[in-house]
Structure formats: C-alpha cells, structure tokens
Amino acid sequence: MANSMKTIVRKSFPKAIQVTDRFHVQKLTFEALQDIRIKHRWEVIDMENEQIKQARLKQKIFRPEIFQNVDPRKQLLARSRYLFYKAPSNWTENQYGRSKTLFEQYPDIGIQHH
C-alpha cells in the first residue's frame, strides 16, 4: 500500500489491522515472474534483431536456434506466459516440456517459480 494511503487508513481507522492475503501475494509473485520473463524476451528480441542484421550483411539467411520442444527462444518466452498461472500438476505434456526447457535456459525464472 502507498504511504499516503497508509496515513489515510491510520487516521480514518485507527484500530484497523493490516493483513496480507494469499491472493495478493500470489498476484505480486506472478507479476514479478512476468517482469523477469518479459525482460528476457526483450533481450532475446534485441539479440535476434542483431543476428538478422549480421546475416543480411553476409547475405545469409538467419535461422534461429530451435529447442527440443520445437520453439525458438523468442517463442519459448512468449508461449510460457500462462504457464505460471497453472499448477505444474495441471500442465499439459507440451507445457511440461516447455517449462523444462524454459527453466534450463533461464534458471532465474525456474528459481522464482519454485
């Protein structure tokens, strides 16, 4: 809660107790994971754009690295967006494979997820 809101609440409701609920903790956790995923995705986009540029200079065709689950790095990060909102026990086979690749390539996401 913002400091200004805390002050208002304290003045308006002096006996109120601030609590933390599971929903908001989960929401903040998911938002933090998404921020990390998005940061990595932008890094990959920038890297891939540079590789495309270099390939054009050499008059070659750029082919992105493709993982076992048939996703290139950029797609891996894009398609894992909703992965964090489901319990691992509810993942499909594709989601499980994608999560395994994602956590191997980006250990910081795997650590935060578990």
PDB file of N, CA and C in Angstrom:
ATOM      1  N   MET A   1       0.846  -1.170   0.000  1.00  0.00           N
ATOM      2  CA  MET A   1       0.000   0.000   0.000  1.00  0.00           C
ATOM      3  C   MET A   1       0.895   1.238   0.000  1.00  0.00           C
ATOM      4  N   ALA A   2       0.487   2.255  -0.711  1.00  0.00           N
ATOM      5  CA  ALA A   2       1.247   3.501  -0.783  1.00  0.00           C
ATOM      6  C   ALA A   2       1.242   4.198   0.574  1.00  0.00           C
ATOM      7  N   ASN A   3       2.318   4.918   0.863  1.00  0.00           N
ATOM      8  CA  ASN A   3       2.434   5.602   2.157  1.00  0.00           C
ATOM      9  C   ASN A   3       1.288   6.566   2.406  1.00  0.00           C
ATOM     10  N   SER A   4       0.858   7.287   1.378  1.00  0.00           N
ATOM     11  CA  SER A   4      -0.252   8.228   1.560  1.00  0.00           C
ATOM     12  C   SER A   4      -1.527   7.491   1.953  1.00  0.00           C
ATOM     13  N   MET A   5      -1.753   6.326   1.355  1.00  0.00           N
ATOM     14  CA  MET A   5      -2.938   5.527   1.703  1.00  0.00           C
ATOM     15  C   MET A   5      -2.827   4.984   3.122  1.00  0.00           C
ATOM     16  N   LYS A   6      -1.628   4.579   3.536  1.00  0.00           N
ATOM     17  CA  LYS A   6      -1.440   4.086   4.903  1.00  0.00           C
ATOM     18  C   LYS A   6      -1.787   5.168   5.911  1.00  0.00           C
ATOM     19  N   THR A   7      -1.361   6.394   5.629  1.00  0.00           N
ATOM     20  CA  THR A   7      -1.650   7.514   6.529  1.00  0.00           C
ATOM     21  C   THR A   7      -3.150   7.757   6.615  1.00  0.00           C
ATOM     22  N   ILE A   8      -3.822   7.753   5.487  1.00  0.00           N
ATOM     23  CA  ILE A   8      -5.274   7.962   5.466  1.00  0.00           C
ATOM     24  C   ILE A   8      -5.978   6.868   6.250  1.00  0.00           C
ATOM     25  N   VAL A   9      -5.577   5.626   6.027  1.00  0.00           N
ATOM     26  CA  VAL A   9      -6.201   4.496   6.728  1.00  0.00           C
ATOM     27  C   VAL A   9      -5.964   4.601   8.228  1.00  0.00           C
ATOM     28  N   ARG A  10      -4.726   4.930   8.630  1.00  0.00           N
ATOM     29  CA  ARG A  10      -4.415   5.063  10.054  1.00  0.00           C
ATOM     30  C   ARG A  10      -5.263   6.137  10.723  1.00  0.00           C
ATOM     31  N   LYS A  11      -5.460   7.250  10.027  1.00  0.00           N
ATOM     32  CA  LYS A  11      -6.265   8.342  10.594  1.00  0.00           C
ATOM     33  C   LYS A  11      -7.749   8.006  10.598  1.00  0.00           C
ATOM     34  N   SER A  12      -8.222   7.370   9.542  1.00  0.00           N
ATOM     35  CA  SER A  12      -9.646   7.059   9.430  1.00  0.00           C
ATOM     36  C   SER A  12     -10.053   5.843  10.254  1.00  0.00           C
ATOM     37  N   PHE A  13      -9.172   4.867  10.327  1.00  0.00           N
ATOM     38  CA  PHE A  13      -9.471   3.615  11.028  1.00  0.00           C
ATOM     39  C   PHE A  13      -8.314   3.269  11.964  1.00  0.00           C
ATOM     40  N   PRO A  14      -8.206   3.951  13.102  1.00  0.00           N
ATOM     41  CA  PRO A  14      -7.044   3.772  13.974  1.00  0.00           C
ATOM     42  C   PRO A  14      -6.888   2.355  14.551  1.00  0.00           C
ATOM     43  N   LYS A  15      -7.958   1.600  14.632  1.00  0.00           N
ATOM     44  CA  LYS A  15      -7.873   0.256  15.214  1.00  0.00           C
ATOM     45  C   LYS A  15      -7.757  -0.841  14.148  1.00  0.00           C
ATOM     46  N   ALA A  16      -7.677  -0.436  12.895  1.00  0.00           N
ATOM     47  CA  ALA A  16      -7.588  -1.417  11.802  1.00  0.00           C
ATOM     48  C   ALA A  16      -6.233  -2.115  11.819  1.00  0.00           C
ATOM     49  N   ILE A  17      -6.244  -3.378  11.436  1.00  0.00           N
ATOM     50  CA  ILE A  17      -5.020  -4.177  11.358  1.00  0.00           C
ATOM     51  C   ILE A  17      -4.779  -4.502   9.886  1.00  0.00           C
ATOM     52  N   GLN A  18      -3.555  -4.247   9.424  1.00  0.00           N
ATOM     53  CA  GLN A  18      -3.218  -4.553   8.034  1.00  0.00           C
ATOM     54  C   GLN A  18      -2.878  -6.032   7.921  1.00  0.00           C
ATOM     55  N   VAL A  19      -3.493  -6.688   6.956  1.00  0.00           N
ATOM     56  CA  VAL A  19      -3.246  -8.113   6.751  1.00  0.00           C
ATOM     57  C   VAL A  19      -2.765  -8.347   5.321  1.00  0.00           C
ATOM     58  N   THR A  20      -2.104  -9.457   5.135  1.00  0.00           N
ATOM     59  CA  THR A  20      -1.654  -9.867   3.812  1.00  0.00           C
ATOM     60  C   THR A  20      -2.420 -11.128   3.455  1.00  0.00           C
ATOM     61  N   ASP A  21      -3.082 -11.116   2.317  1.00  0.00           N
ATOM     62  CA  ASP A  21      -3.852 -12.296   1.936  1.00  0.00           C
ATOM     63  C   ASP A  21      -3.155 -13.050   0.805  1.00  0.00           C
ATOM     64  N   ARG A  22      -3.498 -14.297   0.684  1.00  0.00           N
ATOM     65  CA  ARG A  22      -2.864 -15.197  -0.275  1.00  0.00           C
ATOM     66  C   ARG A  22      -3.027 -14.705  -1.715  1.00  0.00           C
ATOM     67  N   PHE A  23      -4.209 -14.211  -2.045  1.00  0.00           N
ATOM     68  CA  PHE A  23      -4.476 -13.767  -3.413  1.00  0.00           C
ATOM     69  C   PHE A  23      -3.492 -12.689  -3.849  1.00  0.00           C
ATOM     70  N   HIS A  24      -3.302 -11.673  -3.012  1.00  0.00           N
ATOM     71  CA  HIS A  24      -2.435 -10.567  -3.400  1.00  0.00           C
ATOM     72  C   HIS A  24      -0.956 -10.962  -3.401  1.00  0.00           C
ATOM     73  N   VAL A  25      -0.582 -11.875  -2.525  1.00  0.00           N
ATOM     74  CA  VAL A  25       0.801 -12.365  -2.531  1.00  0.00           C
ATOM     75  C   VAL A  25       1.064 -13.121  -3.834  1.00  0.00           C
ATOM     76  N   GLN A  26       0.122 -13.987  -4.224  1.00  0.00           N
ATOM     77  CA  GLN A  26       0.269 -14.722  -5.481  1.00  0.00           C
ATOM     78  C   GLN A  26       0.302 -13.768  -6.672  1.00  0.00           C
ATOM     79  N   LYS A  27      -0.560 -12.771  -6.651  1.00  0.00           N
ATOM     80  CA  LYS A  27      -0.614 -11.799  -7.745  1.00  0.00           C
ATOM     81  C   LYS A  27       0.727 -11.088  -7.898  1.00  0.00           C
ATOM     82  N   LEU A  28       1.298 -10.644  -6.792  1.00  0.00           N
ATOM     83  CA  LEU A  28       2.592  -9.961  -6.841  1.00  0.00           C
ATOM     84  C   LEU A  28       3.700 -10.897  -7.328  1.00  0.00           C
ATOM     85  N   THR A  29       3.637 -12.152  -6.911  1.00  0.00           N
ATOM     86  CA  THR A  29       4.624 -13.142  -7.347  1.00  0.00           C
ATOM     87  C   THR A  29       4.533 -13.372  -8.854  1.00  0.00           C
ATOM     88  N   PHE A  30       3.307 -13.556  -9.353  1.00  0.00           N
ATOM     89  CA  PHE A  30       3.117 -13.770 -10.788  1.00  0.00           C
ATOM     90  C   PHE A  30       3.573 -12.552 -11.592  1.00  0.00           C
ATOM     91  N   GLU A  31       3.283 -11.364 -11.088  1.00  0.00           N
ATOM     92  CA  GLU A  31       3.715 -10.146 -11.784  1.00  0.00           C
ATOM     93  C   GLU A  31       5.243 -10.060 -11.835  1.00  0.00           C
ATOM     94  N   ALA A  32       5.898 -10.447 -10.750  1.00  0.00           N
ATOM     95  CA  ALA A  32       7.366 -10.422 -10.719  1.00  0.00           C
ATOM     96  C   ALA A  32       7.936 -11.426 -11.723  1.00  0.00           C
ATOM     97  N   LEU A  33       7.339 -12.624 -11.782  1.00  0.00           N
ATOM     98  CA  LEU A  33       7.782 -13.628 -12.759  1.00  0.00           C
ATOM     99  C   LEU A  33       7.582 -13.126 -14.190  1.00  0.00           C
ATOM    100  N   GLN A  34       6.452 -12.497 -14.434  1.00  0.00           N
ATOM    101  CA  GLN A  34       6.187 -11.964 -15.771  1.00  0.00           C
ATOM    102  C   GLN A  34       7.197 -10.879 -16.134  1.00  0.00           C
ATOM    103  N   ASP A  35       7.556 -10.039 -15.170  1.00  0.00           N
ATOM    104  CA  ASP A  35       8.552  -8.993 -15.426  1.00  0.00           C
ATOM    105  C   ASP A  35       9.894  -9.599 -15.831  1.00  0.00           C
ATOM    106  N   ILE A  36      10.292 -10.663 -15.143  1.00  0.00           N
ATOM    107  CA  ILE A  36      11.557 -11.340 -15.471  1.00  0.00           C
ATOM    108  C   ILE A  36      11.478 -11.951 -16.868  1.00  0.00           C
ATOM    109  N   ARG A  37      10.356 -12.618 -17.153  1.00  0.00           N
ATOM    110  CA  ARG A  37      10.163 -13.253 -18.465  1.00  0.00           C
ATOM    111  C   ARG A  37      10.187 -12.205 -19.576  1.00  0.00           C
ATOM    112  N   ILE A  38       9.516 -11.094 -19.370  1.00  0.00           N
ATOM    113  CA  ILE A  38       9.459 -10.030 -20.377  1.00  0.00           C
ATOM    114  C   ILE A  38      10.837  -9.414 -20.588  1.00  0.00           C
ATOM    115  N   LYS A  39      11.579  -9.224 -19.493  1.00  0.00           N
ATOM    116  CA  LYS A  39      12.938  -8.673 -19.607  1.00  0.00           C
ATOM    117  C   LYS A  39      13.798  -9.581 -20.486  1.00  0.00           C
ATOM    118  N   HIS A  40      13.730 -10.886 -20.243  1.00  0.00           N
ATOM    119  CA  HIS A  40      14.487 -11.846 -21.059  1.00  0.00           C
ATOM    120  C   HIS A  40      14.008 -11.820 -22.510  1.00  0.00           C
ATOM    121  N   ARG A  41      12.710 -11.699 -22.704  1.00  0.00           N
ATOM    122  CA  ARG A  41      12.171 -11.695 -24.067  1.00  0.00           C
ATOM    123  C   ARG A  41      12.690 -10.498 -24.853  1.00  0.00           C
ATOM    124  N   TRP A  42      12.724  -9.326 -24.237  1.00  0.00           N
ATOM    125  CA  TRP A  42      13.252  -8.147 -24.929  1.00  0.00           C
ATOM    126  C   TRP A  42      14.736  -8.312 -25.244  1.00  0.00           C
ATOM    127  N   GLU A  43      15.472  -8.935 -24.342  1.00  0.00           N
ATOM    128  CA  GLU A  43      16.891  -9.196 -24.603  1.00  0.00           C
ATOM    129  C   GLU A  43      17.050 -10.117 -25.812  1.00  0.00           C
ATOM    130  N   VAL A  44      16.202 -11.143 -25.879  1.00  0.00           N
ATOM    131  CA  VAL A  44      16.253 -12.094 -26.997  1.00  0.00           C
ATOM    132  C   VAL A  44      15.859 -11.408 -28.303  1.00  0.00           C
ATOM    133  N   ILE A  45      14.843 -10.562 -28.256  1.00  0.00           N
ATOM    134  CA  ILE A  45      14.420  -9.839 -29.460  1.00  0.00           C
ATOM    135  C   ILE A  45      15.561  -8.963 -29.969  1.00  0.00           C
ATOM    136  N   ASP A  46      16.201  -8.239 -29.058  1.00  0.00           N
ATOM    137  CA  ASP A  46      17.332  -7.386 -29.454  1.00  0.00           C
ATOM    138  C   ASP A  46      18.476  -8.214 -30.038  1.00  0.00           C
ATOM    139  N   MET A  47      18.786  -9.336 -29.385  1.00  0.00           N
ATOM    140  CA  MET A  47      19.863 -10.210 -29.853  1.00  0.00           C
ATOM    141  C   MET A  47      19.527 -10.781 -31.237  1.00  0.00           C
ATOM    142  N   GLU A  48      18.283 -11.222 -31.395  1.00  0.00           N
ATOM    143  CA  GLU A  48      17.867 -11.805 -32.669  1.00  0.00           C
ATOM    144  C   GLU A  48      17.881 -10.754 -33.784  1.00  0.00           C
ATOM    145  N   ASN A  49      17.454  -9.542 -33.485  1.00  0.00           N
ATOM    146  CA  ASN A  49      17.495  -8.470 -34.488  1.00  0.00           C
ATOM    147  C   ASN A  49      18.930  -8.194 -34.935  1.00  0.00           C
ATOM    148  N   GLU A  50      19.853  -8.229 -33.992  1.00  0.00           N
ATOM    149  CA  GLU A  50      21.263  -8.017 -34.322  1.00  0.00           C
ATOM    150  C   GLU A  50      21.791  -9.164 -35.190  1.00  0.00           C
ATOM    151  N   GLN A  51      21.390 -10.394 -34.861  1.00  0.00           N
ATOM    152  CA  GLN A  51      21.819 -11.548 -35.653  1.00  0.00           C
ATOM    153  C   GLN A  51      21.244 -11.498 -37.068  1.00  0.00           C
ATOM    154  N   ILE A  52      20.010 -11.039 -37.203  1.00  0.00           N
ATOM    155  CA  ILE A  52      19.392 -10.891 -38.525  1.00  0.00           C
ATOM    156  C   ILE A  52      20.158  -9.848 -39.334  1.00  0.00           C
ATOM    157  N   LYS A  53      20.487  -8.760 -38.682  1.00  0.00           N
ATOM    158  CA  LYS A  53      21.242  -7.682 -39.334  1.00  0.00           C
ATOM    159  C   LYS A  53      22.600  -8.191 -39.828  1.00  0.00           C
ATOM    160  N   GLN A  54      23.294  -8.946 -38.973  1.00  0.00           N
ATOM    161  CA  GLN A  54      24.599  -9.500 -39.349  1.00  0.00           C
ATOM    162  C   GLN A  54      24.466 -10.501 -40.497  1.00  0.00           C
ATOM    163  N   ALA A  55      23.410 -11.312 -40.466  1.00  0.00           N
ATOM    164  CA  ALA A  55      23.191 -12.295 -41.531  1.00  0.00           C
ATOM    165  C   ALA A  55      22.943 -11.592 -42.863  1.00  0.00           C
ATOM    166  N   ARG A  56      22.193 -10.503 -42.830  1.00  0.00           N
ATOM    167  CA  ARG A  56      21.929  -9.754 -44.067  1.00  0.00           C
ATOM    168  C   ARG A  56      23.207  -9.163 -44.638  1.00  0.00           C
ATOM    169  N   LEU A  57      24.070  -8.670 -43.749  1.00  0.00           N
ATOM    170  CA  LEU A  57      25.341  -8.108 -44.213  1.00  0.00           C
ATOM    171  C   LEU A  57      26.199  -9.164 -44.910  1.00  0.00           C
ATOM    172  N   LYS A  58      26.097 -10.395 -44.423  1.00  0.00           N
ATOM    173  CA  LYS A  58      26.857 -11.502 -45.008  1.00  0.00           C
ATOM    174  C   LYS A  58      26.075 -12.195 -46.122  1.00  0.00           C
ATOM    175  N   GLN A  59      24.892 -11.668 -46.429  1.00  0.00           N
ATOM    176  CA  GLN A  59      23.992 -12.221 -47.440  1.00  0.00           C
ATOM    177  C   GLN A  59      23.655 -13.683 -47.153  1.00  0.00           C
ATOM    178  N   LYS A  60      23.328 -13.936 -45.912  1.00  0.00           N
ATOM    179  CA  LYS A  60      22.915 -15.272 -45.482  1.00  0.00           C
ATOM    180  C   LYS A  60      21.509 -15.193 -44.905  1.00  0.00           C
ATOM    181  N   ILE A  61      20.885 -16.343 -44.780  1.00  0.00           N
ATOM    182  CA  ILE A  61      19.551 -16.424 -44.187  1.00  0.00           C
ATOM    183  C   ILE A  61      19.710 -16.716 -42.701  1.00  0.00           C
ATOM    184  N   PHE A  62      19.018 -15.951 -41.879  1.00  0.00           N
ATOM    185  CA  PHE A  62      19.076 -16.170 -40.432  1.00  0.00           C
ATOM    186  C   PHE A  62      18.109 -17.273 -40.043  1.00  0.00           C
ATOM    187  N   ARG A  63      18.599 -18.224 -39.271  1.00  0.00           N
ATOM    188  CA  ARG A  63      17.760 -19.294 -38.733  1.00  0.00           C
ATOM    189  C   ARG A  63      17.952 -19.312 -37.217  1.00  0.00           C
ATOM    190  N   PRO A  64      16.878 -19.059 -36.476  1.00  0.00           N
ATOM    191  CA  PRO A  64      17.016 -19.032 -35.020  1.00  0.00           C
ATOM    192  C   PRO A  64      17.241 -20.430 -34.447  1.00  0.00           C
ATOM    193  N   GLU A  65      17.864 -20.472 -33.276  1.00  0.00           N
ATOM    194  CA  GLU A  65      18.068 -21.737 -32.565  1.00  0.00           C
ATOM    195  C   GLU A  65      16.698 -22.278 -32.160  1.00  0.00           C
ATOM    196  N   ILE A  66      16.479 -23.557 -32.419  1.00  0.00           N
ATOM    197  CA  ILE A  66      15.198 -24.183 -32.078  1.00  0.00           C
ATOM    198  C   ILE A  66      15.454 -25.260 -31.035  1.00  0.00           C
ATOM    199  N   PHE A  67      14.658 -25.233 -29.970  1.00  0.00           N
ATOM    200  CA  PHE A  67      14.820 -26.178 -28.870  1.00  0.00           C
ATOM    201  C   PHE A  67      14.085 -27.481 -29.153  1.00  0.00           C
ATOM    202  N   GLN A  68      14.250 -28.430 -28.239  1.00  0.00           N
ATOM    203  CA  GLN A  68      13.637 -29.752 -28.382  1.00  0.00           C
ATOM    204  C   GLN A  68      12.123 -29.682 -28.537  1.00  0.00           C
ATOM    205  N   ASN A  69      11.503 -28.718 -27.863  1.00  0.00           N
ATOM    206  CA  ASN A  69      10.046 -28.626 -27.926  1.00  0.00           C
ATOM    207  C   ASN A  69       9.571 -27.860 -29.165  1.00  0.00           C
ATOM    208  N   VAL A  70      10.467 -27.635 -30.127  1.00  0.00           N
ATOM    209  CA  VAL A  70      10.195 -27.019 -31.425  1.00  0.00           C
ATOM    210  C   VAL A  70       9.916 -25.514 -31.319  1.00  0.00           C
ATOM    211  N   ASP A  71      10.267 -24.894 -30.226  1.00  0.00           N
ATOM    212  CA  ASP A  71      10.120 -23.448 -30.066  1.00  0.00           C
ATOM    213  C   ASP A  71      11.468 -22.768 -30.226  1.00  0.00           C
ATOM    214  N   PRO A  72      11.530 -21.690 -31.004  1.00  0.00           N
ATOM    215  CA  PRO A  72      12.734 -20.859 -30.949  1.00  0.00           C
ATOM    216  C   PRO A  72      12.727 -20.087 -29.624  1.00  0.00           C
ATOM    217  N   ARG A  73      13.845 -19.512 -29.264  1.00  0.00           N
ATOM    218  CA  ARG A  73      13.996 -18.839 -27.969  1.00  0.00           C
ATOM    219  C   ARG A  73      12.915 -17.773 -27.746  1.00  0.00           C
ATOM    220  N   LYS A  74      12.651 -16.963 -28.762  1.00  0.00           N
ATOM    221  CA  LYS A  74      11.664 -15.887 -28.634  1.00  0.00           C
ATOM    222  C   LYS A  74      10.267 -16.459 -28.366  1.00  0.00           C
ATOM    223  N   GLN A  75       9.909 -17.520 -29.082  1.00  0.00           N
ATOM    224  CA  GLN A  75       8.598 -18.139 -28.900  1.00  0.00           C
ATOM    225  C   GLN A  75       8.492 -18.857 -27.559  1.00  0.00           C
ATOM    226  N   LEU A  76       9.587 -19.433 -27.117  1.00  0.00           N
ATOM    227  CA  LEU A  76       9.604 -20.103 -25.817  1.00  0.00           C
ATOM    228  C   LEU A  76       9.185 -19.128 -24.722  1.00  0.00           C
ATOM    229  N   LEU A  77       9.762 -17.940 -24.762  1.00  0.00           N
ATOM    230  CA  LEU A  77       9.433 -16.934 -23.754  1.00  0.00           C
ATOM    231  C   LEU A  77       8.019 -16.392 -23.932  1.00  0.00           C
ATOM    232  N   ALA A  78       7.562 -16.263 -25.152  1.00  0.00           N
ATOM    233  CA  ALA A  78       6.212 -15.755 -25.399  1.00  0.00           C
ATOM    234  C   ALA A  78       5.153 -16.785 -25.003  1.00  0.00           C
ATOM    235  N   ARG A  79       5.379 -18.032 -25.338  1.00  0.00           N
ATOM    236  CA  ARG A  79       4.375 -19.074 -25.094  1.00  0.00           C
ATOM    237  C   ARG A  79       4.341 -19.565 -23.651  1.00  0.00           C
ATOM    238  N   SER A  80       5.298 -19.163 -22.865  1.00  0.00           N
ATOM    239  CA  SER A  80       5.306 -19.592 -21.462  1.00  0.00           C
ATOM    240  C   SER A  80       4.577 -18.600 -20.561  1.00  0.00           C
ATOM    241  N   ARG A  81       3.920 -17.623 -21.170  1.00  0.00           N
ATOM    242  CA  ARG A  81       3.247 -16.568 -20.407  1.00  0.00           C
ATOM    243  C   ARG A  81       2.240 -17.116 -19.394  1.00  0.00           C
ATOM    244  N   TYR A  82       1.373 -18.022 -19.811  1.00  0.00           N
ATOM    245  CA  TYR A  82       0.313 -18.515 -18.931  1.00  0.00           C
ATOM    246  C   TYR A  82       0.730 -19.728 -18.111  1.00  0.00           C
ATOM    247  N   LEU A  83       1.938 -20.169 -18.314  1.00  0.00           N
ATOM    248  CA  LEU A  83       2.460 -21.338 -17.609  1.00  0.00           C
ATOM    249  C   LEU A  83       2.453 -21.130 -16.094  1.00  0.00           C
ATOM    250  N   PHE A  84       2.743 -19.918 -15.661  1.00  0.00           N
ATOM    251  CA  PHE A  84       2.878 -19.630 -14.234  1.00  0.00           C
ATOM    252  C   PHE A  84       1.541 -19.614 -13.504  1.00  0.00           C
ATOM    253  N   TYR A  85       0.450 -19.476 -14.238  1.00  0.00           N
ATOM    254  CA  TYR A  85      -0.859 -19.380 -13.605  1.00  0.00           C
ATOM    255  C   TYR A  85      -1.485 -20.740 -13.310  1.00  0.00           C
ATOM    256  N   LYS A  86      -0.864 -21.803 -13.794  1.00  0.00           N
ATOM    257  CA  LYS A  86      -1.384 -23.150 -13.555  1.00  0.00           C
ATOM    258  C   LYS A  86      -0.430 -23.920 -12.653  1.00  0.00           C
ATOM    259  N   ALA A  87      -0.985 -24.785 -11.857  1.00  0.00           N
ATOM    260  CA  ALA A  87      -0.152 -25.662 -11.032  1.00  0.00           C
ATOM    261  C   ALA A  87       0.542 -26.666 -11.955  1.00  0.00           C
ATOM    262  N   PRO A  88       1.799 -27.018 -11.662  1.00  0.00           N
ATOM    263  CA  PRO A  88       2.504 -27.986 -12.515  1.00  0.00           C
ATOM    264  C   PRO A  88       1.734 -29.295 -12.714  1.00  0.00           C
ATOM    265  N   SER A  89       0.932 -29.691 -11.747  1.00  0.00           N
ATOM    266  CA  SER A  89       0.160 -30.929 -11.889  1.00  0.00           C
ATOM    267  C   SER A  89      -0.925 -30.800 -12.964  1.00  0.00           C
ATOM    268  N   ASN A  90      -1.280 -29.572 -13.337  1.00  0.00           N
ATOM    269  CA  ASN A  90      -2.308 -29.348 -14.358  1.00  0.00           C
ATOM    270  C   ASN A  90      -1.731 -29.006 -15.734  1.00  0.00           C
ATOM    271  N   TRP A  91      -0.406 -29.048 -15.876  1.00  0.00           N
ATOM    272  CA  TRP A  91       0.221 -28.738 -17.156  1.00  0.00           C
ATOM    273  C   TRP A  91      -0.028 -29.853 -18.157  1.00  0.00           C
ATOM    274  N   THR A  92      -0.164 -29.474 -19.413  1.00  0.00           N
ATOM    275  CA  THR A  92      -0.237 -30.471 -20.480  1.00  0.00           C
ATOM    276  C   THR A  92       1.183 -30.969 -20.743  1.00  0.00           C
ATOM    277  N   GLU A  93       1.289 -31.970 -21.582  1.00  0.00           N
ATOM    278  CA  GLU A  93       2.608 -32.507 -21.921  1.00  0.00           C
ATOM    279  C   GLU A  93       3.475 -31.432 -22.592  1.00  0.00           C
ATOM    280  N   ASN A  94       2.861 -30.648 -23.481  1.00  0.00           N
ATOM    281  CA  ASN A  94       3.594 -29.561 -24.149  1.00  0.00           C
ATOM    282  C   ASN A  94       4.062 -28.511 -23.142  1.00  0.00           C
ATOM    283  N   GLN A  95       3.199 -28.163 -22.199  1.00  0.00           N
ATOM    284  CA  GLN A  95       3.563 -27.164 -21.195  1.00  0.00           C
ATOM    285  C   GLN A  95       4.678 -27.676 -20.298  1.00  0.00           C
ATOM    286  N   TYR A  96       4.641 -28.957 -19.979  1.00  0.00           N
ATOM    287  CA  TYR A  96       5.701 -29.534 -19.158  1.00  0.00           C
ATOM    288  C   TYR A  96       7.038 -29.460 -19.896  1.00  0.00           C
ATOM    289  N   GLY A  97       7.028 -29.839 -21.180  1.00  0.00           N
ATOM    290  CA  GLY A  97       8.257 -29.773 -21.980  1.00  0.00           C
ATOM    291  C   GLY A  97       8.762 -28.348 -22.122  1.00  0.00           C
ATOM    292  N   ARG A  98       7.839 -27.423 -22.338  1.00  0.00           N
ATOM    293  CA  ARG A  98       8.209 -26.013 -22.469  1.00  0.00           C
ATOM    294  C   ARG A  98       8.790 -25.494 -21.154  1.00  0.00           C
ATOM    295  N   SER A  99       8.182 -25.876 -20.027  1.00  0.00           N
ATOM    296  CA  SER A  99       8.679 -25.402 -18.725  1.00  0.00           C
ATOM    297  C   SER A  99      10.077 -25.951 -18.448  1.00  0.00           C
ATOM    298  N   LYS A 100      10.298 -27.200 -18.812  1.00  0.00           N
ATOM    299  CA  LYS A 100      11.611 -27.807 -18.595  1.00  0.00           C
ATOM    300  C   LYS A 100      12.681 -27.043 -19.376  1.00  0.00           C
ATOM    301  N   THR A 101      12.400 -26.766 -20.643  1.00  0.00           N
ATOM    302  CA  THR A 101      13.343 -26.007 -21.474  1.00  0.00           C
ATOM    303  C   THR A 101      13.518 -24.595 -20.939  1.00  0.00           C
ATOM    304  N   LEU A 102      12.419 -23.960 -20.564  1.00  0.00           N
ATOM    305  CA  LEU A 102      12.464 -22.587 -20.046  1.00  0.00           C
ATOM    306  C   LEU A 102      13.324 -22.504 -18.797  1.00  0.00           C
ATOM    307  N   PHE A 103      13.128 -23.430 -17.861  1.00  0.00           N
ATOM    308  CA  PHE A 103      13.872 -23.386 -16.597  1.00  0.00           C
ATOM    309  C   PHE A 103      15.344 -23.747 -16.791  1.00  0.00           C
ATOM    310  N   GLU A 104      15.644 -24.568 -17.810  1.00  0.00           N
ATOM    311  CA  GLU A 104      17.049 -24.872 -18.115  1.00  0.00           C
ATOM    312  C   GLU A 104      17.744 -23.656 -18.719  1.00  0.00           C
ATOM    313  N   GLN A 105      17.057 -22.970 -19.622  1.00  0.00           N
ATOM    314  CA  GLN A 105      17.645 -21.818 -20.305  1.00  0.00           C
ATOM    315  C   GLN A 105      17.677 -20.566 -19.428  1.00  0.00           C
ATOM    316  N   TYR A 106      16.690 -20.442 -18.560  1.00  0.00           N
ATOM    317  CA  TYR A 106      16.570 -19.257 -17.696  1.00  0.00           C
ATOM    318  C   TYR A 106      16.383 -19.709 -16.247  1.00  0.00           C
ATOM    319  N   PRO A 107      17.476 -20.078 -15.583  1.00  0.00           N
ATOM    320  CA  PRO A 107      17.375 -20.594 -14.216  1.00  0.00           C
ATOM    321  C   PRO A 107      16.753 -19.598 -13.240  1.00  0.00           C
ATOM    322  N   ASP A 108      16.910 -18.299 -13.491  1.00  0.00           N
ATOM    323  CA  ASP A 108      16.321 -17.320 -12.576  1.00  0.00           C
ATOM    324  C   ASP A 108      14.797 -17.401 -12.581  1.00  0.00           C
ATOM    325  N   ILE A 109      14.198 -17.745 -13.705  1.00  0.00           N
ATOM    326  CA  ILE A 109      12.745 -17.930 -13.757  1.00  0.00           C
ATOM    327  C   ILE A 109      12.368 -19.206 -13.011  1.00  0.00           C
ATOM    328  N   GLY A 110      13.146 -20.269 -13.199  1.00  0.00           N
ATOM    329  CA  GLY A 110      12.873 -21.532 -12.513  1.00  0.00           C
ATOM    330  C   GLY A 110      12.965 -21.403 -11.011  1.00  0.00           C
ATOM    331  N   ILE A 111      13.967 -20.667 -10.535  1.00  0.00           N
ATOM    332  CA  ILE A 111      14.140 -20.471  -9.088  1.00  0.00           C
ATOM    333  C   ILE A 111      12.964 -19.695  -8.522  1.00  0.00           C
ATOM    334  N   GLN A 112      12.553 -18.641  -9.214  1.00  0.00           N
ATOM    335  CA  GLN A 112      11.439 -17.825  -8.738  1.00  0.00           C
ATOM    336  C   GLN A 112      10.126 -18.601  -8.779  1.00  0.00           C
ATOM    337  N   HIS A 113       9.983 -19.491  -9.760  1.00  0.00           N
ATOM    338  CA  HIS A 113       8.731 -20.241  -9.906  1.00  0.00           C
ATOM    339  C   HIS A 113       8.553 -21.272  -8.803  1.00  0.00           C
ATOM    340  N   HIS A 114       9.638 -21.910  -8.410  1.00  0.00           N
ATOM    341  CA  HIS A 114       9.534 -22.967  -7.395  1.00  0.00           C
ATOM    342  C   HIS A 114       9.630 -22.350  -6.074  1.00  0.00           C
TER     343      HIS A 114
END
